[in-house]
Amino acid sequence: MTKITHVAVAILQQPNGNYLLASRPQGKPWAGWWEFPGGKIELGEAPEHALKRELQEELGITPTRIQPWLQRIYNYPETHDSPAKTVHLHFFFVTHWHGDLHPHEGQELSWQNPASITVQPVLPANAPIMKALALPPIYAITNLAEMGEQAFFSALKKQLNNGLQLIQVREKHLQQPILARFTGQVIELARPFSAKVLLNGDMKLAREVGADGVHLSSIALMNLKEKPSDLMVAASCHNASELAHAQKLGLDFVVLSPVKPTKSHENADVLGWQQFTQLIKNIEIPIYALGGMTAADLPQALSCGARGIAMQRAV
């Protein structure tokens, strides 16, 4: 039986969303490669305790606010300086800490923008994590039908000013010319904030209005054979087979729903957090929890392994 090494991994984040990477020092396997700080969890040690210990030893800081995130298993191949090994990575967001960062083990440190990594090479286990970190924790869905145009655009401007970065235009009641105009208005407001806008369902119209991508229904997802290269592509999922197909296609992200009771689908069977966690356990593309979400659900979603939450009314 292959021995598994458990590792606590810290994603230290600045308020602007940048996170810390460290190079592996000389004398260690994969020397010179970049990774998130962290280290081995000792037998019987809680991952949170290992995280604090490693950060104190490596960087001289004591984390004061920790958010458990996802776990991943990765099989490292044998190299000239290291045998093959399997690691079980326990990722944590660390947003607050005491002390000044200092490389205690001779490693280099670099704050990186998740959308544009400038250091190389990066340890292979971290690649899908970085892809997820390039996405924000909140995915907003438009709600024009209930709010009305004036209230909607007022709320959108407020949320963009508050940092909203990812928006789905989902207004199935609108005829195409009106939908095109409305989507164009959302895009125009979003652009100065570098926020991404995805249009629900219509790839052709998404391209015509200059949207960043398209959000597919679960039916459209299962009929898709290849991900288009010129658009971000997201999709709605409700079960394991849909999640697996989305991963096979390499979609940018998906939403999984409904996690909790929601007004949009009042009679739908809800997943609950336990089933949500089980369904996404081995899925490596980023996943948002949808259905009855409010901002208060974000810590729970993150601790279950989601990238964040998708909201319509609550946002």
C-alpha atoms as a PDB file:
ATOM      1  CA  MET A   1       0.000   0.000   0.000  1.00  0.00           C
ATOM      2  CA  THR A   2       1.378   3.428  -0.979  1.00  0.00           C
ATOM      3  CA  LYS A   3       2.291   5.624   1.962  1.00  0.00           C
ATOM      4  CA  ILE A   4       0.488   8.962   1.865  1.00  0.00           C
ATOM      5  CA  THR A   5       2.134  12.090   3.260  1.00  0.00           C
ATOM      6  CA  HIS A   6      -0.348  14.612   4.636  1.00  0.00           C
ATOM      7  CA  VAL A   7       0.609  18.242   4.089  1.00  0.00           C
ATOM      8  CA  ALA A   8      -0.901  21.471   5.434  1.00  0.00           C
ATOM      9  CA  VAL A   9      -0.830  24.222   2.793  1.00  0.00           C
ATOM     10  CA  ALA A  10      -1.327  27.952   3.396  1.00  0.00           C
ATOM     11  CA  ILE A  11      -2.799  30.330   0.844  1.00  0.00           C
ATOM     12  CA  LEU A  12      -1.720  33.616   2.403  1.00  0.00           C
ATOM     13  CA  GLN A  13      -3.835  36.361   0.878  1.00  0.00           C
ATOM     14  CA  GLN A  14      -3.454  40.117   0.758  1.00  0.00           C
ATOM     15  CA  PRO A  15      -6.590  42.340   0.660  1.00  0.00           C
ATOM     16  CA  ASN A  16      -6.090  42.831  -3.101  1.00  0.00           C
ATOM     17  CA  GLY A  17      -6.337  39.056  -3.676  1.00  0.00           C
ATOM     18  CA  ASN A  18      -2.637  38.429  -4.300  1.00  0.00           C
ATOM     19  CA  TYR A  19      -1.218  35.329  -2.612  1.00  0.00           C
ATOM     20  CA  LEU A  20       2.213  34.241  -1.472  1.00  0.00           C
ATOM     21  CA  LEU A  21       4.368  31.696  -3.266  1.00  0.00           C
ATOM     22  CA  ALA A  22       7.727  30.413  -2.021  1.00  0.00           C
ATOM     23  CA  SER A  23      10.524  28.691  -3.902  1.00  0.00           C
ATOM     24  CA  ARG A  24      11.754  25.356  -2.578  1.00  0.00           C
ATOM     25  CA  PRO A  25      15.253  25.858  -1.152  1.00  0.00           C
ATOM     26  CA  GLN A  26      18.366  24.078  -2.365  1.00  0.00           C
ATOM     27  CA  GLY A  27      18.868  20.668  -0.802  1.00  0.00           C
ATOM     28  CA  LYS A  28      15.166  19.766  -0.914  1.00  0.00           C
ATOM     29  CA  PRO A  29      13.446  17.718  -3.634  1.00  0.00           C
ATOM     30  CA  TRP A  30      12.125  19.883  -6.486  1.00  0.00           C
ATOM     31  CA  ALA A  31      14.509  22.683  -5.458  1.00  0.00           C
ATOM     32  CA  GLY A  32      13.759  25.987  -7.191  1.00  0.00           C
ATOM     33  CA  TRP A  33      10.133  25.115  -7.922  1.00  0.00           C
ATOM     34  CA  TRP A  34       7.471  27.447  -6.554  1.00  0.00           C
ATOM     35  CA  GLU A  35       4.711  26.402  -4.154  1.00  0.00           C
ATOM     36  CA  PHE A  36       2.387  27.607  -1.438  1.00  0.00           C
ATOM     37  CA  PRO A  37       4.006  27.671   2.030  1.00  0.00           C
ATOM     38  CA  GLY A  38       3.298  24.779   4.360  1.00  0.00           C
ATOM     39  CA  GLY A  39       4.624  21.420   5.385  1.00  0.00           C
ATOM     40  CA  LYS A  40       4.141  17.889   6.637  1.00  0.00           C
ATOM     41  CA  ILE A  41       1.433  17.049   9.149  1.00  0.00           C
ATOM     42  CA  GLU A  42       2.932  14.888  11.877  1.00  0.00           C
ATOM     43  CA  LEU A  43       1.209  11.691  13.019  1.00  0.00           C
ATOM     44  CA  GLY A  44      -1.694  12.585  15.295  1.00  0.00           C
ATOM     45  CA  GLU A  45      -1.349  16.311  14.585  1.00  0.00           C
ATOM     46  CA  ALA A  46      -4.365  18.377  13.532  1.00  0.00           C
ATOM     47  CA  PRO A  47      -3.906  20.012  10.096  1.00  0.00           C
ATOM     48  CA  GLU A  48      -4.610  23.473  11.573  1.00  0.00           C
ATOM     49  CA  HIS A  49      -1.885  22.973  14.183  1.00  0.00           C
ATOM     50  CA  ALA A  50       0.569  21.800  11.543  1.00  0.00           C
ATOM     51  CA  LEU A  51      -0.238  24.861   9.449  1.00  0.00           C
ATOM     52  CA  LYS A  52       0.532  27.230  12.321  1.00  0.00           C
ATOM     53  CA  ARG A  53       3.727  25.382  13.226  1.00  0.00           C
ATOM     54  CA  GLU A  54       5.018  25.347   9.651  1.00  0.00           C
ATOM     55  CA  LEU A  55       4.272  29.040   9.095  1.00  0.00           C
ATOM     56  CA  GLN A  56       6.121  29.932  12.282  1.00  0.00           C
ATOM     57  CA  GLU A  57       9.107  27.787  11.278  1.00  0.00           C
ATOM     58  CA  GLU A  58       9.233  28.817   7.599  1.00  0.00           C
ATOM     59  CA  LEU A  59       8.114  32.445   7.667  1.00  0.00           C
ATOM     60  CA  GLY A  60       8.130  33.629  11.280  1.00  0.00           C
ATOM     61  CA  ILE A  61       4.419  34.439  11.357  1.00  0.00           C
ATOM     62  CA  THR A  62       1.472  33.234  13.434  1.00  0.00           C
ATOM     63  CA  PRO A  63      -1.839  32.968  11.518  1.00  0.00           C
ATOM     64  CA  THR A  64      -4.797  34.492  13.345  1.00  0.00           C
ATOM     65  CA  ARG A  65      -7.568  33.877  10.805  1.00  0.00           C
ATOM     66  CA  ILE A  66      -7.717  30.525   9.012  1.00  0.00           C
ATOM     67  CA  GLN A  67     -10.394  29.269   6.606  1.00  0.00           C
ATOM     68  CA  PRO A  68     -10.279  25.544   5.703  1.00  0.00           C
ATOM     69  CA  TRP A  69     -10.666  25.039   1.965  1.00  0.00           C
ATOM     70  CA  LEU A  70     -10.292  21.977  -0.239  1.00  0.00           C
ATOM     71  CA  GLN A  71      -8.200  18.811  -0.096  1.00  0.00           C
ATOM     72  CA  ARG A  72      -6.387  17.196  -2.995  1.00  0.00           C
ATOM     73  CA  ILE A  73      -4.349  14.010  -3.473  1.00  0.00           C
ATOM     74  CA  TYR A  74      -1.436  14.198  -5.894  1.00  0.00           C
ATOM     75  CA  ASN A  75       1.013  11.516  -7.035  1.00  0.00           C
ATOM     76  CA  TYR A  76       4.498  12.919  -7.583  1.00  0.00           C
ATOM     77  CA  PRO A  77       6.651  10.930 -10.012  1.00  0.00           C
ATOM     78  CA  GLU A  78      10.172   9.788  -9.207  1.00  0.00           C
ATOM     79  CA  THR A  79      12.891  12.330 -10.050  1.00  0.00           C
ATOM     80  CA  HIS A  80      16.686  12.317  -9.891  1.00  0.00           C
ATOM     81  CA  ASP A  81      16.587  13.792  -6.372  1.00  0.00           C
ATOM     82  CA  SER A  82      13.312  12.395  -5.015  1.00  0.00           C
ATOM     83  CA  PRO A  83      11.454   9.065  -4.962  1.00  0.00           C
ATOM     84  CA  ALA A  84       7.848   8.853  -6.156  1.00  0.00           C
ATOM     85  CA  LYS A  85       5.391   9.820  -3.439  1.00  0.00           C
ATOM     86  CA  THR A  86       1.707  10.510  -2.819  1.00  0.00           C
ATOM     87  CA  VAL A  87       0.696  13.639  -0.941  1.00  0.00           C
ATOM     88  CA  HIS A  88      -2.667  14.533   0.569  1.00  0.00           C
ATOM     89  CA  LEU A  89      -2.832  18.337   0.531  1.00  0.00           C
ATOM     90  CA  HIS A  90      -4.992  20.214   3.033  1.00  0.00           C
ATOM     91  CA  PHE A  91      -5.436  23.801   1.780  1.00  0.00           C
ATOM     92  CA  PHE A  92      -6.268  26.730   4.057  1.00  0.00           C
ATOM     93  CA  PHE A  93      -6.876  30.399   3.326  1.00  0.00           C
ATOM     94  CA  VAL A  94      -4.879  32.615   5.701  1.00  0.00           C
ATOM     95  CA  THR A  95      -5.974  36.258   5.600  1.00  0.00           C
ATOM     96  CA  HIS A  96      -4.611  37.610   8.901  1.00  0.00           C
ATOM     97  CA  TRP A  97      -1.412  36.913  10.812  1.00  0.00           C
ATOM     98  CA  HIS A  98       0.983  38.333  13.417  1.00  0.00           C
ATOM     99  CA  GLY A  99       4.615  38.995  12.629  1.00  0.00           C
ATOM    100  CA  ASP A 100       6.656  40.074   9.622  1.00  0.00           C
ATOM    101  CA  LEU A 101       7.184  37.636   6.769  1.00  0.00           C
ATOM    102  CA  HIS A 102      10.765  36.467   6.555  1.00  0.00           C
ATOM    103  CA  PRO A 103      12.185  33.452   4.677  1.00  0.00           C
ATOM    104  CA  HIS A 104      13.747  31.383   7.458  1.00  0.00           C
ATOM    105  CA  GLU A 105      14.825  28.499   5.203  1.00  0.00           C
ATOM    106  CA  GLY A 106      16.610  30.380   2.415  1.00  0.00           C
ATOM    107  CA  GLN A 107      13.591  30.310   0.114  1.00  0.00           C
ATOM    108  CA  GLU A 108      12.525  33.153  -2.161  1.00  0.00           C
ATOM    109  CA  LEU A 109       9.104  34.738  -1.602  1.00  0.00           C
ATOM    110  CA  SER A 110       6.809  36.372  -4.150  1.00  0.00           C
ATOM    111  CA  TRP A 111       3.316  37.866  -3.957  1.00  0.00           C
ATOM    112  CA  GLN A 112       1.453  36.804  -7.084  1.00  0.00           C
ATOM    113  CA  ASN A 113      -1.707  37.890  -8.886  1.00  0.00           C
ATOM    114  CA  PRO A 114      -3.758  34.697  -9.370  1.00  0.00           C
ATOM    115  CA  ALA A 115      -4.683  35.723 -12.923  1.00  0.00           C
ATOM    116  CA  SER A 116      -1.084  36.219 -14.074  1.00  0.00           C
ATOM    117  CA  ILE A 117       1.633  34.150 -12.393  1.00  0.00           C
ATOM    118  CA  THR A 118       5.095  35.534 -13.094  1.00  0.00           C
ATOM    119  CA  VAL A 119       7.284  32.923 -11.362  1.00  0.00           C
ATOM    120  CA  GLN A 120       8.199  29.550 -12.830  1.00  0.00           C
ATOM    121  CA  PRO A 121       8.269  26.610 -12.555  1.00  0.00           C
ATOM    122  CA  VAL A 122       5.321  25.938 -10.244  1.00  0.00           C
ATOM    123  CA  LEU A 123       4.876  22.564  -8.546  1.00  0.00           C
ATOM    124  CA  PRO A 124       2.394  20.529 -10.640  1.00  0.00           C
ATOM    125  CA  ALA A 125       0.053  19.823  -7.722  1.00  0.00           C
ATOM    126  CA  ASN A 126      -0.648  23.553  -7.471  1.00  0.00           C
ATOM    127  CA  ALA A 127      -1.739  24.183 -11.081  1.00  0.00           C
ATOM    128  CA  PRO A 128      -5.490  23.473 -10.652  1.00  0.00           C
ATOM    129  CA  ILE A 129      -5.465  25.379  -7.370  1.00  0.00           C
ATOM    130  CA  MET A 130      -4.118  28.472  -9.091  1.00  0.00           C
ATOM    131  CA  LYS A 131      -6.777  28.188 -11.776  1.00  0.00           C
ATOM    132  CA  ALA A 132      -9.442  28.213  -9.067  1.00  0.00           C
ATOM    133  CA  LEU A 133      -7.831  31.150  -7.268  1.00  0.00           C
ATOM    134  CA  ALA A 134      -8.054  33.217 -10.458  1.00  0.00           C
ATOM    135  CA  LEU A 135     -11.828  33.188  -9.912  1.00  0.00           C
ATOM    136  CA  PRO A 136     -13.553  35.285  -7.218  1.00  0.00           C
ATOM    137  CA  PRO A 137     -15.529  33.699  -4.355  1.00  0.00           C
ATOM    138  CA  ILE A 138     -18.837  35.311  -5.397  1.00  0.00           C
ATOM    139  CA  TYR A 139     -20.690  34.565  -8.659  1.00  0.00           C
ATOM    140  CA  ALA A 140     -23.668  36.918  -9.085  1.00  0.00           C
ATOM    141  CA  ILE A 141     -26.732  36.092 -11.184  1.00  0.00           C
ATOM    142  CA  THR A 142     -28.868  38.922 -12.545  1.00  0.00           C
ATOM    143  CA  ASN A 143     -32.417  39.358 -11.270  1.00  0.00           C
ATOM    144  CA  LEU A 144     -33.966  41.966 -13.540  1.00  0.00           C
ATOM    145  CA  ALA A 145     -37.383  40.296 -13.669  1.00  0.00           C
ATOM    146  CA  GLU A 146     -38.012  40.698  -9.936  1.00  0.00           C
ATOM    147  CA  MET A 147     -36.129  43.942  -9.297  1.00  0.00           C
ATOM    148  CA  GLY A 148     -36.924  46.122 -12.274  1.00  0.00           C
ATOM    149  CA  GLU A 149     -34.312  47.959 -14.327  1.00  0.00           C
ATOM    150  CA  GLN A 150     -33.662  50.963 -12.095  1.00  0.00           C
ATOM    151  CA  ALA A 151     -33.235  48.965  -8.873  1.00  0.00           C
ATOM    152  CA  PHE A 152     -31.166  46.315 -10.638  1.00  0.00           C
ATOM    153  CA  PHE A 153     -28.618  48.686 -12.157  1.00  0.00           C
ATOM    154  CA  SER A 154     -28.358  50.623  -8.901  1.00  0.00           C
ATOM    155  CA  ALA A 155     -27.590  47.369  -7.049  1.00  0.00           C
ATOM    156  CA  LEU A 156     -25.132  46.236  -9.741  1.00  0.00           C
ATOM    157  CA  LYS A 157     -23.160  49.492  -9.526  1.00  0.00           C
ATOM    158  CA  LYS A 158     -23.007  49.163  -5.745  1.00  0.00           C
ATOM    159  CA  GLN A 159     -21.743  45.574  -5.882  1.00  0.00           C
ATOM    160  CA  LEU A 160     -19.146  46.374  -8.555  1.00  0.00           C
ATOM    161  CA  ASN A 161     -17.845  49.143  -6.325  1.00  0.00           C
ATOM    162  CA  ASN A 162     -17.727  46.611  -3.489  1.00  0.00           C
ATOM    163  CA  GLY A 163     -15.540  44.252  -5.523  1.00  0.00           C
ATOM    164  CA  LEU A 164     -17.919  42.033  -7.523  1.00  0.00           C
ATOM    165  CA  GLN A 165     -15.906  40.331 -10.298  1.00  0.00           C
ATOM    166  CA  LEU A 166     -18.086  37.620 -11.872  1.00  0.00           C
ATOM    167  CA  ILE A 167     -21.625  38.016 -13.248  1.00  0.00           C
ATOM    168  CA  GLN A 168     -24.059  35.771 -15.100  1.00  0.00           C
ATOM    169  CA  VAL A 169     -26.775  37.441 -17.163  1.00  0.00           C
ATOM    170  CA  ARG A 170     -29.750  35.099 -16.771  1.00  0.00           C
ATOM    171  CA  GLU A 171     -32.977  36.705 -18.006  1.00  0.00           C
ATOM    172  CA  LYS A 172     -34.905  34.009 -19.859  1.00  0.00           C
ATOM    173  CA  HIS A 173     -38.016  36.163 -20.086  1.00  0.00           C
ATOM    174  CA  LEU A 174     -36.346  38.684 -22.409  1.00  0.00           C
ATOM    175  CA  GLN A 175     -36.590  38.506 -26.188  1.00  0.00           C
ATOM    176  CA  GLN A 176     -33.205  38.453 -27.926  1.00  0.00           C
ATOM    177  CA  PRO A 177     -32.976  42.137 -29.004  1.00  0.00           C
ATOM    178  CA  ILE A 178     -33.844  43.315 -25.488  1.00  0.00           C
ATOM    179  CA  LEU A 179     -31.552  40.696 -23.928  1.00  0.00           C
ATOM    180  CA  ALA A 180     -28.713  41.878 -26.163  1.00  0.00           C
ATOM    181  CA  ARG A 181     -29.228  45.471 -25.086  1.00  0.00           C
ATOM    182  CA  PHE A 182     -29.462  44.562 -21.415  1.00  0.00           C
ATOM    183  CA  THR A 183     -26.350  42.355 -21.556  1.00  0.00           C
ATOM    184  CA  GLY A 184     -24.473  45.160 -23.303  1.00  0.00           C
ATOM    185  CA  GLN A 185     -25.385  47.521 -20.462  1.00  0.00           C
ATOM    186  CA  VAL A 186     -24.126  45.035 -17.860  1.00  0.00           C
ATOM    187  CA  ILE A 187     -20.866  44.586 -19.786  1.00  0.00           C
ATOM    188  CA  GLU A 188     -20.394  48.348 -20.098  1.00  0.00           C
ATOM    189  CA  LEU A 189     -20.735  48.764 -16.341  1.00  0.00           C
ATOM    190  CA  ALA A 190     -18.510  45.776 -15.573  1.00  0.00           C
ATOM    191  CA  ARG A 191     -15.582  46.620 -17.862  1.00  0.00           C
ATOM    192  CA  PRO A 192     -14.019  49.442 -15.790  1.00  0.00           C
ATOM    193  CA  PHE A 193     -13.863  47.022 -12.854  1.00  0.00           C
ATOM    194  CA  SER A 194     -12.368  44.172 -14.960  1.00  0.00           C
ATOM    195  CA  ALA A 195     -15.379  42.083 -13.953  1.00  0.00           C
ATOM    196  CA  LYS A 196     -16.257  39.109 -16.164  1.00  0.00           C
ATOM    197  CA  VAL A 197     -19.752  38.772 -17.668  1.00  0.00           C
ATOM    198  CA  LEU A 198     -21.194  35.445 -18.851  1.00  0.00           C
ATOM    199  CA  LEU A 199     -24.470  35.156 -20.772  1.00  0.00           C
ATOM    200  CA  ASN A 200     -26.777  32.284 -19.954  1.00  0.00           C
ATOM    201  CA  GLY A 201     -27.338  29.813 -22.759  1.00  0.00           C
ATOM    202  CA  ASP A 202     -26.584  31.600 -26.030  1.00  0.00           C
ATOM    203  CA  MET A 203     -23.009  31.284 -27.347  1.00  0.00           C
ATOM    204  CA  LYS A 204     -23.754  33.169 -30.552  1.00  0.00           C
ATOM    205  CA  LEU A 205     -25.270  36.139 -28.748  1.00  0.00           C
ATOM    206  CA  ALA A 206     -22.496  36.067 -26.132  1.00  0.00           C
ATOM    207  CA  ARG A 207     -19.963  36.571 -28.910  1.00  0.00           C
ATOM    208  CA  GLU A 208     -22.043  39.263 -30.622  1.00  0.00           C
ATOM    209  CA  VAL A 209     -22.393  41.421 -27.512  1.00  0.00           C
ATOM    210  CA  GLY A 210     -18.783  40.917 -26.377  1.00  0.00           C
ATOM    211  CA  ALA A 211     -19.469  38.861 -23.267  1.00  0.00           C
ATOM    212  CA  ASP A 212     -16.531  37.067 -21.669  1.00  0.00           C
ATOM    213  CA  GLY A 213     -18.301  33.742 -21.779  1.00  0.00           C
ATOM    214  CA  VAL A 214     -21.412  31.628 -21.662  1.00  0.00           C
ATOM    215  CA  HIS A 215     -23.196  29.745 -18.889  1.00  0.00           C
ATOM    216  CA  LEU A 216     -24.812  26.510 -20.069  1.00  0.00           C
ATOM    217  CA  SER A 217     -27.771  24.597 -18.684  1.00  0.00           C
ATOM    218  CA  SER A 218     -27.128  21.020 -17.589  1.00  0.00           C
ATOM    219  CA  ILE A 219     -28.840  19.758 -20.763  1.00  0.00           C
ATOM    220  CA  ALA A 220     -26.656  21.936 -22.987  1.00  0.00           C
ATOM    221  CA  LEU A 221     -23.609  20.806 -21.002  1.00  0.00           C
ATOM    222  CA  MET A 222     -24.340  17.117 -21.632  1.00  0.00           C
ATOM    223  CA  ASN A 223     -24.770  17.819 -25.360  1.00  0.00           C
ATOM    224  CA  LEU A 224     -21.484  19.727 -25.593  1.00  0.00           C
ATOM    225  CA  LYS A 225     -18.658  17.753 -27.237  1.00  0.00           C
ATOM    226  CA  GLU A 226     -15.843  20.286 -27.013  1.00  0.00           C
ATOM    227  CA  LYS A 227     -15.259  23.485 -25.074  1.00  0.00           C
ATOM    228  CA  PRO A 228     -15.021  26.511 -27.397  1.00  0.00           C
ATOM    229  CA  SER A 229     -11.628  28.159 -27.155  1.00  0.00           C
ATOM    230  CA  ASP A 230     -12.789  31.765 -27.510  1.00  0.00           C
ATOM    231  CA  LEU A 231     -15.142  31.923 -24.512  1.00  0.00           C
ATOM    232  CA  MET A 232     -15.159  31.234 -20.810  1.00  0.00           C
ATOM    233  CA  VAL A 233     -17.598  28.373 -20.357  1.00  0.00           C
ATOM    234  CA  ALA A 234     -19.472  27.584 -17.153  1.00  0.00           C
ATOM    235  CA  ALA A 235     -22.406  25.252 -16.600  1.00  0.00           C
ATOM    236  CA  SER A 236     -25.113  24.244 -14.166  1.00  0.00           C
ATOM    237  CA  CYS A 237     -24.736  20.774 -12.629  1.00  0.00           C
ATOM    238  CA  HIS A 238     -26.983  18.727 -10.371  1.00  0.00           C
ATOM    239  CA  ASN A 239     -25.339  15.290 -10.170  1.00  0.00           C
ATOM    240  CA  ALA A 240     -22.094  13.331 -10.495  1.00  0.00           C
ATOM    241  CA  SER A 241     -22.372  12.560 -14.211  1.00  0.00           C
ATOM    242  CA  GLU A 242     -22.808  16.232 -15.113  1.00  0.00           C
ATOM    243  CA  LEU A 243     -19.837  17.190 -12.957  1.00  0.00           C
ATOM    244  CA  ALA A 244     -17.710  14.481 -14.558  1.00  0.00           C
ATOM    245  CA  HIS A 245     -18.626  15.643 -18.068  1.00  0.00           C
ATOM    246  CA  ALA A 246     -17.812  19.255 -17.194  1.00  0.00           C
ATOM    247  CA  GLN A 247     -14.414  18.172 -15.895  1.00  0.00           C
ATOM    248  CA  LYS A 248     -13.746  16.055 -18.991  1.00  0.00           C
ATOM    249  CA  LEU A 249     -14.438  19.089 -21.198  1.00  0.00           C
ATOM    250  CA  GLY A 250     -12.239  21.313 -19.036  1.00  0.00           C
ATOM    251  CA  LEU A 251     -14.875  23.951 -18.316  1.00  0.00           C
ATOM    252  CA  ASP A 252     -13.735  27.075 -16.515  1.00  0.00           C
ATOM    253  CA  PHE A 253     -16.095  26.413 -13.612  1.00  0.00           C
ATOM    254  CA  VAL A 254     -19.529  25.030 -12.730  1.00  0.00           C
ATOM    255  CA  VAL A 255     -22.298  25.636 -10.227  1.00  0.00           C
ATOM    256  CA  LEU A 256     -23.787  22.722  -8.293  1.00  0.00           C
ATOM    257  CA  SER A 257     -27.347  23.070  -7.030  1.00  0.00           C
ATOM    258  CA  PRO A 258     -29.615  23.246  -5.210  1.00  0.00           C
ATOM    259  CA  VAL A 259     -27.674  23.044  -1.949  1.00  0.00           C
ATOM    260  CA  LYS A 260     -30.473  24.578   0.128  1.00  0.00           C
ATOM    261  CA  PRO A 261     -34.156  25.338  -0.542  1.00  0.00           C
ATOM    262  CA  THR A 262     -34.549  28.139  -3.061  1.00  0.00           C
ATOM    263  CA  LYS A 263     -37.446  30.246  -4.307  1.00  0.00           C
ATOM    264  CA  SER A 264     -36.383  29.621  -7.927  1.00  0.00           C
ATOM    265  CA  HIS A 265     -36.983  25.845  -7.625  1.00  0.00           C
ATOM    266  CA  GLU A 266     -39.289  25.445  -4.645  1.00  0.00           C
ATOM    267  CA  ASN A 267     -40.086  21.748  -5.216  1.00  0.00           C
ATOM    268  CA  ALA A 268     -36.577  20.568  -6.084  1.00  0.00           C
ATOM    269  CA  ASP A 269     -34.779  18.019  -3.903  1.00  0.00           C
ATOM    270  CA  VAL A 270     -31.936  19.779  -2.106  1.00  0.00           C
ATOM    271  CA  LEU A 271     -28.433  18.322  -1.845  1.00  0.00           C
ATOM    272  CA  GLY A 272     -27.452  19.618   1.581  1.00  0.00           C
ATOM    273  CA  TRP A 273     -23.824  20.323   2.455  1.00  0.00           C
ATOM    274  CA  GLN A 274     -22.873  16.702   3.106  1.00  0.00           C
ATOM    275  CA  GLN A 275     -23.935  15.477  -0.328  1.00  0.00           C
ATOM    276  CA  PHE A 276     -22.489  18.595  -1.951  1.00  0.00           C
ATOM    277  CA  THR A 277     -19.117  17.812  -0.372  1.00  0.00           C
ATOM    278  CA  GLN A 278     -19.194  14.193  -1.529  1.00  0.00           C
ATOM    279  CA  LEU A 279     -20.129  15.116  -5.099  1.00  0.00           C
ATOM    280  CA  ILE A 280     -17.297  17.602  -5.570  1.00  0.00           C
ATOM    281  CA  LYS A 281     -14.645  15.607  -3.698  1.00  0.00           C
ATOM    282  CA  ASN A 282     -12.767  14.398  -6.792  1.00  0.00           C
ATOM    283  CA  ILE A 283     -13.665  17.215  -9.178  1.00  0.00           C
ATOM    284  CA  GLU A 284     -10.744  19.511  -9.944  1.00  0.00           C
ATOM    285  CA  ILE A 285     -12.465  22.300 -11.866  1.00  0.00           C
ATOM    286  CA  PRO A 286     -13.737  25.166  -9.669  1.00  0.00           C
ATOM    287  CA  ILE A 287     -17.250  24.743  -8.272  1.00  0.00           C
ATOM    288  CA  TYR A 288     -19.721  27.238  -6.835  1.00  0.00           C
ATOM    289  CA  ALA A 289     -22.523  26.294  -4.455  1.00  0.00           C
ATOM    290  CA  LEU A 290     -25.940  27.538  -5.611  1.00  0.00           C
ATOM    291  CA  GLY A 291     -29.415  27.433  -4.140  1.00  0.00           C
ATOM    292  CA  GLY A 292     -30.553  29.467  -1.147  1.00  0.00           C
ATOM    293  CA  MET A 293     -27.095  30.991  -0.691  1.00  0.00           C
ATOM    294  CA  THR A 294     -26.359  34.159   1.249  1.00  0.00           C
ATOM    295  CA  ALA A 295     -23.007  35.731   2.102  1.00  0.00           C
ATOM    296  CA  ALA A 296     -23.144  33.927   5.453  1.00  0.00           C
ATOM    297  CA  ASP A 297     -22.851  30.588   3.610  1.00  0.00           C
ATOM    298  CA  LEU A 298     -19.456  31.380   2.072  1.00  0.00           C
ATOM    299  CA  PRO A 299     -17.296  29.939   4.904  1.00  0.00           C
ATOM    300  CA  GLN A 300     -19.318  26.703   4.829  1.00  0.00           C
ATOM    301  CA  ALA A 301     -18.996  26.437   1.050  1.00  0.00           C
ATOM    302  CA  LEU A 302     -15.245  26.992   1.186  1.00  0.00           C
ATOM    303  CA  SER A 303     -14.774  24.401   3.933  1.00  0.00           C
ATOM    304  CA  CYS A 304     -16.654  21.900   1.723  1.00  0.00           C
ATOM    305  CA  GLY A 305     -14.158  22.514  -1.096  1.00  0.00           C
ATOM    306  CA  ALA A 306     -16.124  24.953  -3.259  1.00  0.00           C
ATOM    307  CA  ARG A 307     -14.474  27.983  -4.832  1.00  0.00           C
ATOM    308  CA  GLY A 308     -17.349  30.069  -3.560  1.00  0.00           C
ATOM    309  CA  ILE A 309     -21.070  30.686  -3.765  1.00  0.00           C
ATOM    310  CA  ALA A 310     -23.440  31.778  -6.537  1.00  0.00           C
ATOM    311  CA  MET A 311     -26.306  34.074  -5.595  1.00  0.00           C
ATOM    312  CA  GLN A 312     -29.221  35.787  -7.308  1.00  0.00           C
ATOM    313  CA  ARG A 313     -31.566  37.428  -4.797  1.00  0.00           C
ATOM    314  CA  ALA A 314     -29.128  37.700  -1.899  1.00  0.00           C
ATOM    315  CA  VAL A 315     -26.524  39.570  -3.942  1.00  0.00           C
END
